[in-house]
Amino acid sequence: MAILVIREYEHLMEVAGGTVPVGKEPALVRQEVVIGGGSLQSTAFTERTRFVRLHCDVAAGIAFGSNPTAIAVQDMAAGQTEYFGVETGHKVAVRGA
């Protein structure tokens, strides 16, 4: 079964001399959404969530918004991990590419 793993973060990791562009663990929330032929949505991001880390194990299309619908285009490749800034209460939708 193909899965989109979503980790929600409030802060970036800080180290001596600056900030590293990765989420500070532990994540606020971890979600999984099954990737299939239709668009499926995550639950809404928390009020503390400022950005998310997405990892797809198959090629997939994604969309963000209050009621997003993903289309079957390849926004993320199989095995790809990306960070995105998001708004409180929004969701991510995913669909197989």
C-alpha atoms as a PDB file:
ATOM      1  CA  MET A   1       0.000   0.000   0.000  1.00  0.00           C
ATOM      2  CA  ALA A   2       1.403   3.408  -1.016  1.00  0.00           C
ATOM      3  CA  ILE A   3       1.554   6.027   1.757  1.00  0.00           C
ATOM      4  CA  LEU A   4       2.127   9.772   2.124  1.00  0.00           C
ATOM      5  CA  VAL A   5       3.752  10.426   5.501  1.00  0.00           C
ATOM      6  CA  ILE A   6       3.106  13.924   6.899  1.00  0.00           C
ATOM      7  CA  ARG A   7       5.011  15.353   9.850  1.00  0.00           C
ATOM      8  CA  GLU A   8       3.883  18.733  11.203  1.00  0.00           C
ATOM      9  CA  TYR A   9       6.369  21.194  12.742  1.00  0.00           C
ATOM     10  CA  GLU A  10       6.311  24.535  14.501  1.00  0.00           C
ATOM     11  CA  HIS A  11      10.077  25.229  14.675  1.00  0.00           C
ATOM     12  CA  LEU A  12      13.229  24.709  12.637  1.00  0.00           C
ATOM     13  CA  MET A  13      16.262  23.139  14.275  1.00  0.00           C
ATOM     14  CA  GLU A  14      18.668  25.689  15.730  1.00  0.00           C
ATOM     15  CA  VAL A  15      22.368  24.995  16.169  1.00  0.00           C
ATOM     16  CA  ALA A  16      25.341  27.146  17.107  1.00  0.00           C
ATOM     17  CA  GLY A  17      25.748  29.692  14.348  1.00  0.00           C
ATOM     18  CA  GLY A  18      22.297  29.471  12.778  1.00  0.00           C
ATOM     19  CA  THR A  19      19.225  27.537  11.788  1.00  0.00           C
ATOM     20  CA  VAL A  20      19.206  24.233   9.908  1.00  0.00           C
ATOM     21  CA  PRO A  21      16.360  23.824   7.375  1.00  0.00           C
ATOM     22  CA  VAL A  22      14.852  20.742   9.042  1.00  0.00           C
ATOM     23  CA  GLY A  23      11.991  20.340  11.481  1.00  0.00           C
ATOM     24  CA  LYS A  24      12.771  20.286  15.184  1.00  0.00           C
ATOM     25  CA  GLU A  25      11.837  16.898  16.618  1.00  0.00           C
ATOM     26  CA  PRO A  26       9.649  15.653  17.985  1.00  0.00           C
ATOM     27  CA  ALA A  27       7.080  16.562  15.359  1.00  0.00           C
ATOM     28  CA  LEU A  28       3.784  18.013  16.589  1.00  0.00           C
ATOM     29  CA  VAL A  29       1.780  15.446  14.610  1.00  0.00           C
ATOM     30  CA  ARG A  30       2.468  12.483  12.336  1.00  0.00           C
ATOM     31  CA  GLN A  31      -0.172  11.478   9.811  1.00  0.00           C
ATOM     32  CA  GLU A  32      -0.383   8.904   7.041  1.00  0.00           C
ATOM     33  CA  VAL A  33      -2.632   9.154   4.000  1.00  0.00           C
ATOM     34  CA  VAL A  34      -3.079   6.243   1.592  1.00  0.00           C
ATOM     35  CA  ILE A  35      -2.108   7.118  -1.987  1.00  0.00           C
ATOM     36  CA  GLY A  36      -4.518   5.777  -4.586  1.00  0.00           C
ATOM     37  CA  GLY A  37      -6.296   6.634  -7.813  1.00  0.00           C
ATOM     38  CA  GLY A  38      -8.509   9.288  -6.204  1.00  0.00           C
ATOM     39  CA  SER A  39      -7.681  12.399  -4.201  1.00  0.00           C
ATOM     40  CA  LEU A  40      -7.593  11.839  -0.442  1.00  0.00           C
ATOM     41  CA  GLN A  41      -7.050  14.521   2.236  1.00  0.00           C
ATOM     42  CA  SER A  42      -5.117  14.660   5.484  1.00  0.00           C
ATOM     43  CA  THR A  43      -6.712  15.986   8.634  1.00  0.00           C
ATOM     44  CA  ALA A  44      -6.426  19.745   9.188  1.00  0.00           C
ATOM     45  CA  PHE A  45      -3.049  21.068  10.379  1.00  0.00           C
ATOM     46  CA  THR A  46      -2.919  22.218  14.009  1.00  0.00           C
ATOM     47  CA  GLU A  47      -2.878  25.870  15.053  1.00  0.00           C
ATOM     48  CA  ARG A  48       0.821  25.498  15.927  1.00  0.00           C
ATOM     49  CA  THR A  49       1.857  23.926  12.597  1.00  0.00           C
ATOM     50  CA  ARG A  50       3.981  26.243  10.439  1.00  0.00           C
ATOM     51  CA  PHE A  51       5.426  23.742   7.983  1.00  0.00           C
ATOM     52  CA  VAL A  52       5.194  20.068   7.068  1.00  0.00           C
ATOM     53  CA  ARG A  53       7.566  17.370   5.901  1.00  0.00           C
ATOM     54  CA  LEU A  54       6.042  15.111   3.245  1.00  0.00           C
ATOM     55  CA  HIS A  55       7.445  11.758   2.158  1.00  0.00           C
ATOM     56  CA  CYS A  56       5.895   9.745  -0.693  1.00  0.00           C
ATOM     57  CA  ASP A  57       6.870   6.177  -1.416  1.00  0.00           C
ATOM     58  CA  VAL A  58       5.375   6.408  -4.950  1.00  0.00           C
ATOM     59  CA  ALA A  59       5.036   9.213  -7.507  1.00  0.00           C
ATOM     60  CA  ALA A  60       2.109  11.416  -6.499  1.00  0.00           C
ATOM     61  CA  GLY A  61       0.298  14.677  -7.054  1.00  0.00           C
ATOM     62  CA  ILE A  62      -0.339  16.913  -4.046  1.00  0.00           C
ATOM     63  CA  ALA A  63      -2.393  20.023  -3.321  1.00  0.00           C
ATOM     64  CA  PHE A  64      -2.765  22.271  -0.255  1.00  0.00           C
ATOM     65  CA  GLY A  65      -5.748  24.300   0.945  1.00  0.00           C
ATOM     66  CA  SER A  66      -8.843  24.320   3.111  1.00  0.00           C
ATOM     67  CA  ASN A  67     -10.489  21.670   0.888  1.00  0.00           C
ATOM     68  CA  PRO A  68      -7.790  20.618  -1.608  1.00  0.00           C
ATOM     69  CA  THR A  69      -8.103  18.176  -4.509  1.00  0.00           C
ATOM     70  CA  ALA A  70      -4.941  16.592  -5.884  1.00  0.00           C
ATOM     71  CA  ILE A  71      -4.729  15.752  -9.571  1.00  0.00           C
ATOM     72  CA  ALA A  72      -2.798  12.906 -11.188  1.00  0.00           C
ATOM     73  CA  VAL A  73       0.365  14.833 -12.029  1.00  0.00           C
ATOM     74  CA  GLN A  74       3.798  14.098 -10.577  1.00  0.00           C
ATOM     75  CA  ASP A  75       4.500  16.789  -7.980  1.00  0.00           C
ATOM     76  CA  MET A  76       6.585  14.331  -5.942  1.00  0.00           C
ATOM     77  CA  ALA A  77       8.678  11.402  -7.164  1.00  0.00           C
ATOM     78  CA  ALA A  78       8.777   7.985  -5.530  1.00  0.00           C
ATOM     79  CA  GLY A  79      10.933   8.198  -2.404  1.00  0.00           C
ATOM     80  CA  GLN A  80      10.988  12.020  -2.397  1.00  0.00           C
ATOM     81  CA  THR A  81      10.889  14.071   0.819  1.00  0.00           C
ATOM     82  CA  GLU A  82      10.029  17.796   0.821  1.00  0.00           C
ATOM     83  CA  TYR A  83       9.229  20.562   3.311  1.00  0.00           C
ATOM     84  CA  PHE A  84       6.373  23.027   2.714  1.00  0.00           C
ATOM     85  CA  GLY A  85       5.158  26.077   4.639  1.00  0.00           C
ATOM     86  CA  VAL A  86       1.454  25.734   5.454  1.00  0.00           C
ATOM     87  CA  GLU A  87      -1.442  27.622   7.023  1.00  0.00           C
ATOM     88  CA  THR A  88      -3.288  26.630  10.189  1.00  0.00           C
ATOM     89  CA  GLY A  89      -6.373  24.553   9.443  1.00  0.00           C
ATOM     90  CA  HIS A  90      -5.343  23.719   5.881  1.00  0.00           C
ATOM     91  CA  LYS A  91      -4.873  20.150   4.634  1.00  0.00           C
ATOM     92  CA  VAL A  92      -2.831  18.343   2.025  1.00  0.00           C
ATOM     93  CA  ALA A  93      -4.479  16.129  -0.582  1.00  0.00           C
ATOM     94  CA  VAL A  94      -2.645  13.356  -2.427  1.00  0.00           C
ATOM     95  CA  ARG A  95      -3.334  11.214  -5.480  1.00  0.00           C
ATOM     96  CA  GLY A  96      -1.213   8.684  -7.337  1.00  0.00           C
ATOM     97  CA  ALA A  97       0.479  10.160 -10.421  1.00  0.00           C
END
